[in-house]
Amino acid sequence: MKILVADDEAGFRELLSEILKLKGHKVDVAGDGQKASELIQAHHYDIAFLDLSMPERTGLELAEEVKKKDPGTTTALVTAYLLVEDEFVKAAGVDEYISKPFRIRQIEAILDRHNLRSGKK
């Protein structure tokens, strides 16, 4: 299972990355939208956790890029905003969203919903 974590907050990025690695996943990280875009173009990901607000490119722009390259990749928008409308997220082509701070069970639920927790897709 290959996962991308793109977030400009180093602490959040590293925490999520470590949680996913402990669950046996291969994880790439990016601290800005440009680096995330380069990784998206170079690799296939089963899921991409994308921060809504990052330098260079937003999570929404990156989600569109991911879906254009690999339509089967699950995209999860990560945001510090407490209220995000489901309709807005779905209209933008994002499969999931989570708010910061997150709970580990939220990440597990996303992986479960997309049959990614065990590494099987």
PDB file of N, CA and C in Angstrom:
ATOM      1  N   MET A   1       0.827  -1.175   0.000  1.00  0.00           N
ATOM      2  CA  MET A   1       0.000   0.000   0.000  1.00  0.00           C
ATOM      3  C   MET A   1       0.874   1.242   0.000  1.00  0.00           C
ATOM      4  N   LYS A   2       0.646   2.138  -0.925  1.00  0.00           N
ATOM      5  CA  LYS A   2       1.449   3.363  -1.068  1.00  0.00           C
ATOM      6  C   LYS A   2       0.556   4.562  -0.777  1.00  0.00           C
ATOM      7  N   ILE A   3       1.020   5.418   0.138  1.00  0.00           N
ATOM      8  CA  ILE A   3       0.227   6.558   0.588  1.00  0.00           C
ATOM      9  C   ILE A   3       1.056   7.835   0.479  1.00  0.00           C
ATOM     10  N   LEU A   4       0.391   8.915   0.060  1.00  0.00           N
ATOM     11  CA  LEU A   4       1.003  10.238   0.036  1.00  0.00           C
ATOM     12  C   LEU A   4       0.385  11.070   1.155  1.00  0.00           C
ATOM     13  N   VAL A   5       1.245  11.727   1.935  1.00  0.00           N
ATOM     14  CA  VAL A   5       0.807  12.685   2.952  1.00  0.00           C
ATOM     15  C   VAL A   5       1.410  14.028   2.571  1.00  0.00           C
ATOM     16  N   ALA A   6       0.553  14.973   2.186  1.00  0.00           N
ATOM     17  CA  ALA A   6       1.011  16.302   1.786  1.00  0.00           C
ATOM     18  C   ALA A   6       0.411  17.341   2.725  1.00  0.00           C
ATOM     19  N   ASP A   7       1.272  17.986   3.497  1.00  0.00           N
ATOM     20  CA  ASP A   7       0.818  18.982   4.463  1.00  0.00           C
ATOM     21  C   ASP A   7       1.997  19.895   4.789  1.00  0.00           C
ATOM     22  N   ASP A   8       1.740  21.193   4.886  1.00  0.00           N
ATOM     23  CA  ASP A   8       2.827  22.118   5.174  1.00  0.00           C
ATOM     24  C   ASP A   8       3.140  22.205   6.667  1.00  0.00           C
ATOM     25  N   GLU A   9       2.327  21.608   7.521  1.00  0.00           N
ATOM     26  CA  GLU A   9       2.608  21.534   8.950  1.00  0.00           C
ATOM     27  C   GLU A   9       3.459  20.301   9.220  1.00  0.00           C
ATOM     28  N   ALA A  10       4.726  20.508   9.518  1.00  0.00           N
ATOM     29  CA  ALA A  10       5.657  19.393   9.684  1.00  0.00           C
ATOM     30  C   ALA A  10       5.209  18.418  10.763  1.00  0.00           C
ATOM     31  N   GLY A  11       4.716  18.913  11.874  1.00  0.00           N
ATOM     32  CA  GLY A  11       4.293  18.046  12.967  1.00  0.00           C
ATOM     33  C   GLY A  11       3.156  17.125  12.567  1.00  0.00           C
ATOM     34  N   PHE A  12       2.165  17.682  11.902  1.00  0.00           N
ATOM     35  CA  PHE A  12       1.031  16.876  11.448  1.00  0.00           C
ATOM     36  C   PHE A  12       1.481  15.862  10.403  1.00  0.00           C
ATOM     37  N   ARG A  13       2.263  16.332   9.465  1.00  0.00           N
ATOM     38  CA  ARG A  13       2.749  15.479   8.371  1.00  0.00           C
ATOM     39  C   ARG A  13       3.508  14.279   8.921  1.00  0.00           C
ATOM     40  N   GLU A  14       4.403  14.529   9.852  1.00  0.00           N
ATOM     41  CA  GLU A  14       5.207  13.444  10.416  1.00  0.00           C
ATOM     42  C   GLU A  14       4.378  12.507  11.288  1.00  0.00           C
ATOM     43  N   LEU A  15       3.442  13.051  12.054  1.00  0.00           N
ATOM     44  CA  LEU A  15       2.583  12.220  12.898  1.00  0.00           C
ATOM     45  C   LEU A  15       1.752  11.263  12.048  1.00  0.00           C
ATOM     46  N   LEU A  16       1.075  11.788  11.050  1.00  0.00           N
ATOM     47  CA  LEU A  16       0.250  10.942  10.186  1.00  0.00           C
ATOM     48  C   LEU A  16       1.110   9.924   9.454  1.00  0.00           C
ATOM     49  N   SER A  17       2.255  10.352   8.973  1.00  0.00           N
ATOM     50  CA  SER A  17       3.169   9.449   8.277  1.00  0.00           C
ATOM     51  C   SER A  17       3.593   8.294   9.174  1.00  0.00           C
ATOM     52  N   GLU A  18       3.961   8.596  10.411  1.00  0.00           N
ATOM     53  CA  GLU A  18       4.410   7.557  11.346  1.00  0.00           C
ATOM     54  C   GLU A  18       3.288   6.585  11.686  1.00  0.00           C
ATOM     55  N   ILE A  19       2.079   7.106  11.886  1.00  0.00           N
ATOM     56  CA  ILE A  19       0.932   6.237  12.173  1.00  0.00           C
ATOM     57  C   ILE A  19       0.722   5.259  11.021  1.00  0.00           C
ATOM     58  N   LEU A  20       0.768   5.763   9.806  1.00  0.00           N
ATOM     59  CA  LEU A  20       0.545   4.913   8.635  1.00  0.00           C
ATOM     60  C   LEU A  20       1.675   3.900   8.453  1.00  0.00           C
ATOM     61  N   LYS A  21       2.906   4.316   8.709  1.00  0.00           N
ATOM     62  CA  LYS A  21       4.046   3.394   8.612  1.00  0.00           C
ATOM     63  C   LYS A  21       3.935   2.276   9.648  1.00  0.00           C
ATOM     64  N   LEU A  22       3.505   2.624  10.856  1.00  0.00           N
ATOM     65  CA  LEU A  22       3.337   1.617  11.900  1.00  0.00           C
ATOM     66  C   LEU A  22       2.271   0.589  11.528  1.00  0.00           C
ATOM     67  N   LYS A  23       1.351   0.988  10.672  1.00  0.00           N
ATOM     68  CA  LYS A  23       0.304   0.079  10.204  1.00  0.00           C
ATOM     69  C   LYS A  23       0.752  -0.700   8.968  1.00  0.00           C
ATOM     70  N   GLY A  24       2.026  -0.530   8.585  1.00  0.00           N
ATOM     71  CA  GLY A  24       2.600  -1.326   7.511  1.00  0.00           C
ATOM     72  C   GLY A  24       2.532  -0.734   6.122  1.00  0.00           C
ATOM     73  N   HIS A  25       2.199   0.548   6.016  1.00  0.00           N
ATOM     74  CA  HIS A  25       2.084   1.184   4.716  1.00  0.00           C
ATOM     75  C   HIS A  25       3.377   1.889   4.314  1.00  0.00           C
ATOM     76  N   LYS A  26       3.601   2.010   3.012  1.00  0.00           N
ATOM     77  CA  LYS A  26       4.710   2.807   2.487  1.00  0.00           C
ATOM     78  C   LYS A  26       4.187   4.224   2.305  1.00  0.00           C
ATOM     79  N   VAL A  27       4.938   5.196   2.823  1.00  0.00           N
ATOM     80  CA  VAL A  27       4.446   6.571   2.849  1.00  0.00           C
ATOM     81  C   VAL A  27       5.486   7.522   2.267  1.00  0.00           C
ATOM     82  N   ASP A  28       5.038   8.385   1.360  1.00  0.00           N
ATOM     83  CA  ASP A  28       5.834   9.509   0.885  1.00  0.00           C
ATOM     84  C   ASP A  28       5.237  10.768   1.498  1.00  0.00           C
ATOM     85  N   VAL A  29       6.087  11.764   1.782  1.00  0.00           N
ATOM     86  CA  VAL A  29       5.601  13.010   2.376  1.00  0.00           C
ATOM     87  C   VAL A  29       6.040  14.203   1.530  1.00  0.00           C
ATOM     88  N   ALA A  30       5.210  15.237   1.573  1.00  0.00           N
ATOM     89  CA  ALA A  30       5.511  16.488   0.872  1.00  0.00           C
ATOM     90  C   ALA A  30       5.085  17.643   1.768  1.00  0.00           C
ATOM     91  N   GLY A  31       5.911  18.681   1.818  1.00  0.00           N
ATOM     92  CA  GLY A  31       5.632  19.838   2.650  1.00  0.00           C
ATOM     93  C   GLY A  31       5.000  21.003   1.913  1.00  0.00           C
ATOM     94  N   ASP A  32       4.825  20.868   0.604  1.00  0.00           N
ATOM     95  CA  ASP A  32       4.154  21.918  -0.166  1.00  0.00           C
ATOM     96  C   ASP A  32       3.530  21.301  -1.417  1.00  0.00           C
ATOM     97  N   GLY A  33       2.707  22.073  -2.072  1.00  0.00           N
ATOM     98  CA  GLY A  33       1.981  21.572  -3.227  1.00  0.00           C
ATOM     99  C   GLY A  33       2.861  21.211  -4.405  1.00  0.00           C
ATOM    100  N   GLN A  34       3.962  21.903  -4.584  1.00  0.00           N
ATOM    101  CA  GLN A  34       4.856  21.605  -5.704  1.00  0.00           C
ATOM    102  C   GLN A  34       5.501  20.232  -5.536  1.00  0.00           C
ATOM    103  N   LYS A  35       6.027  19.973  -4.344  1.00  0.00           N
ATOM    104  CA  LYS A  35       6.640  18.668  -4.068  1.00  0.00           C
ATOM    105  C   LYS A  35       5.591  17.559  -4.185  1.00  0.00           C
ATOM    106  N   ALA A  36       4.395  17.805  -3.674  1.00  0.00           N
ATOM    107  CA  ALA A  36       3.312  16.814  -3.774  1.00  0.00           C
ATOM    108  C   ALA A  36       2.989  16.524  -5.232  1.00  0.00           C
ATOM    109  N   SER A  37       2.923  17.547  -6.059  1.00  0.00           N
ATOM    110  CA  SER A  37       2.639  17.380  -7.480  1.00  0.00           C
ATOM    111  C   SER A  37       3.709  16.528  -8.155  1.00  0.00           C
ATOM    112  N   GLU A  38       4.970  16.781  -7.820  1.00  0.00           N
ATOM    113  CA  GLU A  38       6.067  15.993  -8.386  1.00  0.00           C
ATOM    114  C   GLU A  38       5.941  14.520  -7.995  1.00  0.00           C
ATOM    115  N   LEU A  39       5.594  14.264  -6.742  1.00  0.00           N
ATOM    116  CA  LEU A  39       5.422  12.882  -6.282  1.00  0.00           C
ATOM    117  C   LEU A  39       4.229  12.223  -6.972  1.00  0.00           C
ATOM    118  N   ILE A  40       3.143  12.964  -7.128  1.00  0.00           N
ATOM    119  CA  ILE A  40       1.948  12.439  -7.796  1.00  0.00           C
ATOM    120  C   ILE A  40       2.284  12.021  -9.224  1.00  0.00           C
ATOM    121  N   GLN A  41       3.069  12.835  -9.916  1.00  0.00           N
ATOM    122  CA  GLN A  41       3.421  12.521 -11.297  1.00  0.00           C
ATOM    123  C   GLN A  41       4.383  11.336 -11.392  1.00  0.00           C
ATOM    124  N   ALA A  42       5.190  11.128 -10.359  1.00  0.00           N
ATOM    125  CA  ALA A  42       6.220  10.083 -10.402  1.00  0.00           C
ATOM    126  C   ALA A  42       5.756   8.731  -9.873  1.00  0.00           C
ATOM    127  N   HIS A  43       4.677   8.707  -9.074  1.00  0.00           N
ATOM    128  CA  HIS A  43       4.279   7.471  -8.402  1.00  0.00           C
ATOM    129  C   HIS A  43       2.778   7.241  -8.487  1.00  0.00           C
ATOM    130  N   HIS A  44       2.377   6.004  -8.251  1.00  0.00           N
ATOM    131  CA  HIS A  44       0.963   5.679  -8.072  1.00  0.00           C
ATOM    132  C   HIS A  44       0.713   5.572  -6.573  1.00  0.00           C
ATOM    133  N   TYR A  45      -0.370   6.159  -6.095  1.00  0.00           N
ATOM    134  CA  TYR A  45      -0.743   6.067  -4.692  1.00  0.00           C
ATOM    135  C   TYR A  45      -2.118   5.425  -4.567  1.00  0.00           C
ATOM    136  N   ASP A  46      -2.277   4.630  -3.512  1.00  0.00           N
ATOM    137  CA  ASP A  46      -3.585   4.062  -3.210  1.00  0.00           C
ATOM    138  C   ASP A  46      -4.469   5.103  -2.548  1.00  0.00           C
ATOM    139  N   ILE A  47      -3.839   5.960  -1.742  1.00  0.00           N
ATOM    140  CA  ILE A  47      -4.568   7.050  -1.094  1.00  0.00           C
ATOM    141  C   ILE A  47      -3.634   8.248  -0.938  1.00  0.00           C
ATOM    142  N   ALA A  48      -4.214   9.436  -1.047  1.00  0.00           N
ATOM    143  CA  ALA A  48      -3.454  10.675  -0.872  1.00  0.00           C
ATOM    144  C   ALA A  48      -4.180  11.536   0.152  1.00  0.00           C
ATOM    145  N   PHE A  49      -3.491  11.829   1.267  1.00  0.00           N
ATOM    146  CA  PHE A  49      -3.993  12.765   2.263  1.00  0.00           C
ATOM    147  C   PHE A  49      -3.429  14.130   1.900  1.00  0.00           C
ATOM    148  N   LEU A  50      -4.309  15.084   1.581  1.00  0.00           N
ATOM    149  CA  LEU A  50      -3.891  16.367   1.027  1.00  0.00           C
ATOM    150  C   LEU A  50      -4.426  17.520   1.863  1.00  0.00           C
ATOM    151  N   ASP A  51      -3.527  18.341   2.368  1.00  0.00           N
ATOM    152  CA  ASP A  51      -3.917  19.514   3.149  1.00  0.00           C
ATOM    153  C   ASP A  51      -4.622  20.515   2.245  1.00  0.00           C
ATOM    154  N   LEU A  52      -5.733  21.045   2.723  1.00  0.00           N
ATOM    155  CA  LEU A  52      -6.503  21.999   1.934  1.00  0.00           C
ATOM    156  C   LEU A  52      -5.683  23.243   1.609  1.00  0.00           C
ATOM    157  N   SER A  53      -4.958  23.764   2.592  1.00  0.00           N
ATOM    158  CA  SER A  53      -4.254  25.033   2.423  1.00  0.00           C
ATOM    159  C   SER A  53      -2.743  24.835   2.530  1.00  0.00           C
ATOM    160  N   MET A  54      -2.086  24.812   1.370  1.00  0.00           N
ATOM    161  CA  MET A  54      -0.624  24.646   1.319  1.00  0.00           C
ATOM    162  C   MET A  54      -0.037  25.647   0.332  1.00  0.00           C
ATOM    163  N   PRO A  55       1.247  25.967   0.496  1.00  0.00           N
ATOM    164  CA  PRO A  55       1.924  26.801  -0.507  1.00  0.00           C
ATOM    165  C   PRO A  55       2.011  26.059  -1.850  1.00  0.00           C
ATOM    166  N   GLU A  56       2.050  26.797  -2.907  1.00  0.00           N
ATOM    167  CA  GLU A  56       2.235  26.316  -4.284  1.00  0.00           C
ATOM    168  C   GLU A  56       0.953  25.772  -4.905  1.00  0.00           C
ATOM    169  N   ARG A  57       0.302  24.800  -4.257  1.00  0.00           N
ATOM    170  CA  ARG A  57      -0.957  24.235  -4.759  1.00  0.00           C
ATOM    171  C   ARG A  57      -1.808  23.834  -3.576  1.00  0.00           C
ATOM    172  N   THR A  58      -3.110  23.995  -3.716  1.00  0.00           N
ATOM    173  CA  THR A  58      -4.016  23.599  -2.631  1.00  0.00           C
ATOM    174  C   THR A  58      -4.317  22.104  -2.727  1.00  0.00           C
ATOM    175  N   GLY A  59      -4.862  21.582  -1.643  1.00  0.00           N
ATOM    176  CA  GLY A  59      -5.276  20.190  -1.636  1.00  0.00           C
ATOM    177  C   GLY A  59      -6.321  19.893  -2.692  1.00  0.00           C
ATOM    178  N   LEU A  60      -7.204  20.852  -2.961  1.00  0.00           N
ATOM    179  CA  LEU A  60      -8.221  20.651  -4.005  1.00  0.00           C
ATOM    180  C   LEU A  60      -7.584  20.538  -5.385  1.00  0.00           C
ATOM    181  N   GLU A  61      -6.600  21.388  -5.653  1.00  0.00           N
ATOM    182  CA  GLU A  61      -5.899  21.313  -6.940  1.00  0.00           C
ATOM    183  C   GLU A  61      -5.158  19.986  -7.069  1.00  0.00           C
ATOM    184  N   LEU A  62      -4.544  19.554  -5.975  1.00  0.00           N
ATOM    185  CA  LEU A  62      -3.813  18.290  -6.002  1.00  0.00           C
ATOM    186  C   LEU A  62      -4.758  17.098  -6.153  1.00  0.00           C
ATOM    187  N   ALA A  63      -5.915  17.166  -5.513  1.00  0.00           N
ATOM    188  CA  ALA A  63      -6.898  16.081  -5.646  1.00  0.00           C
ATOM    189  C   ALA A  63      -7.319  15.926  -7.102  1.00  0.00           C
ATOM    190  N   GLU A  64      -7.529  17.056  -7.771  1.00  0.00           N
ATOM    191  CA  GLU A  64      -7.885  17.026  -9.194  1.00  0.00           C
ATOM    192  C   GLU A  64      -6.752  16.395 -10.012  1.00  0.00           C
ATOM    193  N   GLU A  65      -5.532  16.746  -9.689  1.00  0.00           N
ATOM    194  CA  GLU A  65      -4.371  16.197 -10.381  1.00  0.00           C
ATOM    195  C   GLU A  65      -4.258  14.684 -10.162  1.00  0.00           C
ATOM    196  N   VAL A  66      -4.466  14.261  -8.921  1.00  0.00           N
ATOM    197  CA  VAL A  66      -4.419  12.825  -8.598  1.00  0.00           C
ATOM    198  C   VAL A  66      -5.471  12.072  -9.408  1.00  0.00           C
ATOM    199  N   LYS A  67      -6.704  12.567  -9.398  1.00  0.00           N
ATOM    200  CA  LYS A  67      -7.810  11.883 -10.077  1.00  0.00           C
ATOM    201  C   LYS A  67      -7.605  11.847 -11.591  1.00  0.00           C
ATOM    202  N   LYS A  68      -6.984  12.881 -12.138  1.00  0.00           N
ATOM    203  CA  LYS A  68      -6.712  12.914 -13.571  1.00  0.00           C
ATOM    204  C   LYS A  68      -5.695  11.833 -13.939  1.00  0.00           C
ATOM    205  N   LYS A  69      -4.677  11.669 -13.110  1.00  0.00           N
ATOM    206  CA  LYS A  69      -3.620  10.689 -13.386  1.00  0.00           C
ATOM    207  C   LYS A  69      -4.055   9.274 -13.036  1.00  0.00           C
ATOM    208  N   ASP A  70      -4.619   9.104 -11.853  1.00  0.00           N
ATOM    209  CA  ASP A  70      -5.014   7.786 -11.337  1.00  0.00           C
ATOM    210  C   ASP A  70      -6.419   7.879 -10.751  1.00  0.00           C
ATOM    211  N   PRO A  71      -7.453   7.731 -11.574  1.00  0.00           N
ATOM    212  CA  PRO A  71      -8.828   7.899 -11.090  1.00  0.00           C
ATOM    213  C   PRO A  71      -9.208   7.001  -9.916  1.00  0.00           C
ATOM    214  N   GLY A  72      -8.538   5.874  -9.753  1.00  0.00           N
ATOM    215  CA  GLY A  72      -8.866   4.960  -8.668  1.00  0.00           C
ATOM    216  C   GLY A  72      -8.245   5.308  -7.329  1.00  0.00           C
ATOM    217  N   THR A  73      -7.376   6.309  -7.306  1.00  0.00           N
ATOM    218  CA  THR A  73      -6.737   6.706  -6.056  1.00  0.00           C
ATOM    219  C   THR A  73      -7.751   7.408  -5.155  1.00  0.00           C
ATOM    220  N   THR A  74      -7.781   7.016  -3.895  1.00  0.00           N
ATOM    221  CA  THR A  74      -8.635   7.679  -2.914  1.00  0.00           C
ATOM    222  C   THR A  74      -7.973   8.986  -2.496  1.00  0.00           C
ATOM    223  N   THR A  75      -8.733  10.073  -2.513  1.00  0.00           N
ATOM    224  CA  THR A  75      -8.217  11.363  -2.064  1.00  0.00           C
ATOM    225  C   THR A  75      -8.924  11.764  -0.776  1.00  0.00           C
ATOM    226  N   ALA A  76      -8.134  12.178   0.211  1.00  0.00           N
ATOM    227  CA  ALA A  76      -8.664  12.619   1.503  1.00  0.00           C
ATOM    228  C   ALA A  76      -8.151  14.016   1.781  1.00  0.00           C
ATOM    229  N   LEU A  77      -9.049  14.968   1.845  1.00  0.00           N
ATOM    230  CA  LEU A  77      -8.707  16.357   2.118  1.00  0.00           C
ATOM    231  C   LEU A  77      -8.561  16.541   3.623  1.00  0.00           C
ATOM    232  N   VAL A  78      -7.472  17.163   4.041  1.00  0.00           N
ATOM    233  CA  VAL A  78      -7.203  17.421   5.446  1.00  0.00           C
ATOM    234  C   VAL A  78      -7.336  18.925   5.661  1.00  0.00           C
ATOM    235  N   THR A  79      -8.099  19.319   6.668  1.00  0.00           N
ATOM    236  CA  THR A  79      -8.328  20.737   6.872  1.00  0.00           C
ATOM    237  C   THR A  79      -8.386  21.098   8.350  1.00  0.00           C
ATOM    238  N   ALA A  80      -7.961  22.301   8.667  1.00  0.00           N
ATOM    239  CA  ALA A  80      -8.076  22.810  10.027  1.00  0.00           C
ATOM    240  C   ALA A  80      -9.440  23.475  10.235  1.00  0.00           C
ATOM    241  N   TYR A  81     -10.184  23.653   9.151  1.00  0.00           N
ATOM    242  CA  TYR A  81     -11.516  24.245   9.252  1.00  0.00           C
ATOM    243  C   TYR A  81     -12.468  23.223   9.836  1.00  0.00           C
ATOM    244  N   LEU A  82     -13.238  23.645  10.809  1.00  0.00           N
ATOM    245  CA  LEU A  82     -14.124  22.707  11.499  1.00  0.00           C
ATOM    246  C   LEU A  82     -15.306  22.279  10.640  1.00  0.00           C
ATOM    247  N   LEU A  83     -15.819  23.180   9.858  1.00  0.00           N
ATOM    248  CA  LEU A  83     -17.000  22.855   9.068  1.00  0.00           C
ATOM    249  C   LEU A  83     -16.671  22.869   7.583  1.00  0.00           C
ATOM    250  N   VAL A  84     -16.750  21.722   6.993  1.00  0.00           N
ATOM    251  CA  VAL A  84     -16.578  21.596   5.553  1.00  0.00           C
ATOM    252  C   VAL A  84     -17.816  20.879   5.048  1.00  0.00           C
ATOM    253  N   GLU A  85     -18.454  21.446   4.084  1.00  0.00           N
ATOM    254  CA  GLU A  85     -19.682  20.866   3.549  1.00  0.00           C
ATOM    255  C   GLU A  85     -19.388  19.630   2.709  1.00  0.00           C
ATOM    256  N   ASP A  86     -20.119  18.558   2.970  1.00  0.00           N
ATOM    257  CA  ASP A  86     -19.963  17.329   2.186  1.00  0.00           C
ATOM    258  C   ASP A  86     -20.135  17.594   0.692  1.00  0.00           C
ATOM    259  N   GLU A  87     -21.126  18.410   0.352  1.00  0.00           N
ATOM    260  CA  GLU A  87     -21.402  18.686  -1.056  1.00  0.00           C
ATOM    261  C   GLU A  87     -20.214  19.376  -1.725  1.00  0.00           C
ATOM    262  N   PHE A  88     -19.580  20.299  -1.001  1.00  0.00           N
ATOM    263  CA  PHE A  88     -18.422  21.012  -1.516  1.00  0.00           C
ATOM    264  C   PHE A  88     -17.285  20.042  -1.801  1.00  0.00           C
ATOM    265  N   VAL A  89     -17.012  19.166  -0.838  1.00  0.00           N
ATOM    266  CA  VAL A  89     -15.915  18.213  -0.969  1.00  0.00           C
ATOM    267  C   VAL A  89     -16.182  17.250  -2.127  1.00  0.00           C
ATOM    268  N   LYS A  90     -17.386  16.708  -2.186  1.00  0.00           N
ATOM    269  CA  LYS A  90     -17.719  15.749  -3.247  1.00  0.00           C
ATOM    270  C   LYS A  90     -17.703  16.421  -4.621  1.00  0.00           C
ATOM    271  N   ALA A  91     -18.191  17.652  -4.700  1.00  0.00           N
ATOM    272  CA  ALA A  91     -18.196  18.377  -5.974  1.00  0.00           C
ATOM    273  C   ALA A  91     -16.778  18.629  -6.463  1.00  0.00           C
ATOM    274  N   ALA A  92     -15.847  18.748  -5.533  1.00  0.00           N
ATOM    275  CA  ALA A  92     -14.447  18.979  -5.889  1.00  0.00           C
ATOM    276  C   ALA A  92     -13.736  17.686  -6.262  1.00  0.00           C
ATOM    277  N   GLY A  93     -14.425  16.560  -6.164  1.00  0.00           N
ATOM    278  CA  GLY A  93     -13.820  15.282  -6.539  1.00  0.00           C
ATOM    279  C   GLY A  93     -13.027  14.625  -5.428  1.00  0.00           C
ATOM    280  N   VAL A  94     -13.215  15.081  -4.201  1.00  0.00           N
ATOM    281  CA  VAL A  94     -12.509  14.517  -3.062  1.00  0.00           C
ATOM    282  C   VAL A  94     -13.368  13.402  -2.466  1.00  0.00           C
ATOM    283  N   ASP A  95     -12.740  12.277  -2.149  1.00  0.00           N
ATOM    284  CA  ASP A  95     -13.478  11.133  -1.621  1.00  0.00           C
ATOM    285  C   ASP A  95     -13.800  11.258  -0.140  1.00  0.00           C
ATOM    286  N   GLU A  96     -12.891  11.842   0.625  1.00  0.00           N
ATOM    287  CA  GLU A  96     -13.009  11.909   2.088  1.00  0.00           C
ATOM    288  C   GLU A  96     -12.447  13.231   2.578  1.00  0.00           C
ATOM    289  N   TYR A  97     -12.799  13.589   3.804  1.00  0.00           N
ATOM    290  CA  TYR A  97     -12.105  14.702   4.449  1.00  0.00           C
ATOM    291  C   TYR A  97     -12.035  14.455   5.949  1.00  0.00           C
ATOM    292  N   ILE A  98     -10.978  14.992   6.540  1.00  0.00           N
ATOM    293  CA  ILE A  98     -10.833  14.945   7.992  1.00  0.00           C
ATOM    294  C   ILE A  98     -10.391  16.314   8.480  1.00  0.00           C
ATOM    295  N   SER A  99     -10.812  16.633   9.690  1.00  0.00           N
ATOM    296  CA  SER A  99     -10.428  17.903  10.306  1.00  0.00           C
ATOM    297  C   SER A  99      -9.288  17.682  11.280  1.00  0.00           C
ATOM    298  N   LYS A 100      -8.427  18.696  11.378  1.00  0.00           N
ATOM    299  CA  LYS A 100      -7.362  18.689  12.375  1.00  0.00           C
ATOM    300  C   LYS A 100      -7.916  19.302  13.655  1.00  0.00           C
ATOM    301  N   PRO A 101      -7.589  18.807  14.800  1.00  0.00           N
ATOM    302  CA  PRO A 101      -6.812  17.595  15.028  1.00  0.00           C
ATOM    303  C   PRO A 101      -7.671  16.368  14.715  1.00  0.00           C
ATOM    304  N   PHE A 102      -7.031  15.298  14.330  1.00  0.00           N
ATOM    305  CA  PHE A 102      -7.761  14.090  13.960  1.00  0.00           C
ATOM    306  C   PHE A 102      -7.561  13.013  15.019  1.00  0.00           C
ATOM    307  N   ARG A 103      -8.375  12.003  14.937  1.00  0.00           N
ATOM    308  CA  ARG A 103      -8.235  10.830  15.798  1.00  0.00           C
ATOM    309  C   ARG A 103      -7.796   9.669  14.924  1.00  0.00           C
ATOM    310  N   ILE A 104      -6.994   8.799  15.473  1.00  0.00           N
ATOM    311  CA  ILE A 104      -6.483   7.663  14.697  1.00  0.00           C
ATOM    312  C   ILE A 104      -7.630   6.862  14.107  1.00  0.00           C
ATOM    313  N   ARG A 105      -8.724   6.727  14.847  1.00  0.00           N
ATOM    314  CA  ARG A 105      -9.843   5.934  14.316  1.00  0.00           C
ATOM    315  C   ARG A 105     -10.463   6.576  13.071  1.00  0.00           C
ATOM    316  N   GLN A 106     -10.321   7.892  12.906  1.00  0.00           N
ATOM    317  CA  GLN A 106     -10.808   8.528  11.681  1.00  0.00           C
ATOM    318  C   GLN A 106      -9.986   8.073  10.475  1.00  0.00           C
ATOM    319  N   ILE A 107      -8.677   7.983  10.659  1.00  0.00           N
ATOM    320  CA  ILE A 107      -7.790   7.516   9.591  1.00  0.00           C
ATOM    321  C   ILE A 107      -8.118   6.056   9.277  1.00  0.00           C
ATOM    322  N   GLU A 108      -8.274   5.250  10.319  1.00  0.00           N
ATOM    323  CA  GLU A 108      -8.608   3.835  10.126  1.00  0.00           C
ATOM    324  C   GLU A 108      -9.937   3.675   9.412  1.00  0.00           C
ATOM    325  N   ALA A 109     -10.919   4.523   9.738  1.00  0.00           N
ATOM    326  CA  ALA A 109     -12.231   4.452   9.088  1.00  0.00           C
ATOM    327  C   ALA A 109     -12.112   4.760   7.593  1.00  0.00           C
ATOM    328  N   ILE A 110     -11.296   5.738   7.243  1.00  0.00           N
ATOM    329  CA  ILE A 110     -11.091   6.060   5.825  1.00  0.00           C
ATOM    330  C   ILE A 110     -10.448   4.870   5.117  1.00  0.00           C
ATOM    331  N   LEU A 111      -9.429   4.297   5.721  1.00  0.00           N
ATOM    332  CA  LEU A 111      -8.765   3.143   5.125  1.00  0.00           C
ATOM    333  C   LEU A 111      -9.746   1.978   4.981  1.00  0.00           C
ATOM    334  N   ASP A 112     -10.575   1.761   5.998  1.00  0.00           N
ATOM    335  CA  ASP A 112     -11.568   0.680   5.947  1.00  0.00           C
ATOM    336  C   ASP A 112     -12.593   0.906   4.840  1.00  0.00           C
ATOM    337  N   ARG A 113     -13.113   2.123   4.742  1.00  0.00           N
ATOM    338  CA  ARG A 113     -14.141   2.418   3.734  1.00  0.00           C
ATOM    339  C   ARG A 113     -13.642   2.165   2.313  1.00  0.00           C
ATOM    340  N   HIS A 114     -12.359   2.300   2.127  1.00  0.00           N
ATOM    341  CA  HIS A 114     -11.793   2.126   0.791  1.00  0.00           C
ATOM    342  C   HIS A 114     -10.977   0.836   0.688  1.00  0.00           C
ATOM    343  N   ASN A 115     -11.226  -0.071   1.645  1.00  0.00           N
ATOM    344  CA  ASN A 115     -10.556  -1.382   1.662  1.00  0.00           C
ATOM    345  C   ASN A 115      -9.035  -1.259   1.597  1.00  0.00           C
ATOM    346  N   LEU A 116      -8.495  -0.292   2.331  1.00  0.00           N
ATOM    347  CA  LEU A 116      -7.062  -0.036   2.280  1.00  0.00           C
ATOM    348  C   LEU A 116      -6.352  -0.348   3.603  1.00  0.00           C
ATOM    349  N   ARG A 117      -7.094  -0.617   4.636  1.00  0.00           N
ATOM    350  CA  ARG A 117      -6.469  -0.820   5.945  1.00  0.00           C
ATOM    351  C   ARG A 117      -5.505  -1.997   5.925  1.00  0.00           C
ATOM    352  N   SER A 118      -5.897  -3.085   5.303  1.00  0.00           N
ATOM    353  CA  SER A 118      -5.057  -4.283   5.314  1.00  0.00           C
ATOM    354  C   SER A 118      -4.042  -4.286   4.189  1.00  0.00           C
ATOM    355  N   GLY A 119      -4.035  -3.236   3.395  1.00  0.00           N
ATOM    356  CA  GLY A 119      -3.117  -3.209   2.259  1.00  0.00           C
ATOM    357  C   GLY A 119      -3.708  -3.852   1.023  1.00  0.00           C
ATOM    358  N   LYS A 120      -4.966  -4.303   1.106  1.00  0.00           N
ATOM    359  CA  LYS A 120      -5.630  -4.916  -0.051  1.00  0.00           C
ATOM    360  C   LYS A 120      -6.604  -3.913  -0.618  1.00  0.00           C
ATOM    361  N   LYS A 121      -6.600  -3.794  -1.913  1.00  0.00           N
ATOM    362  CA  LYS A 121      -7.497  -2.844  -2.556  1.00  0.00           C
ATOM    363  C   LYS A 121      -8.494  -3.565  -3.399  1.00  0.00           C
TER     364      LYS A 121
END
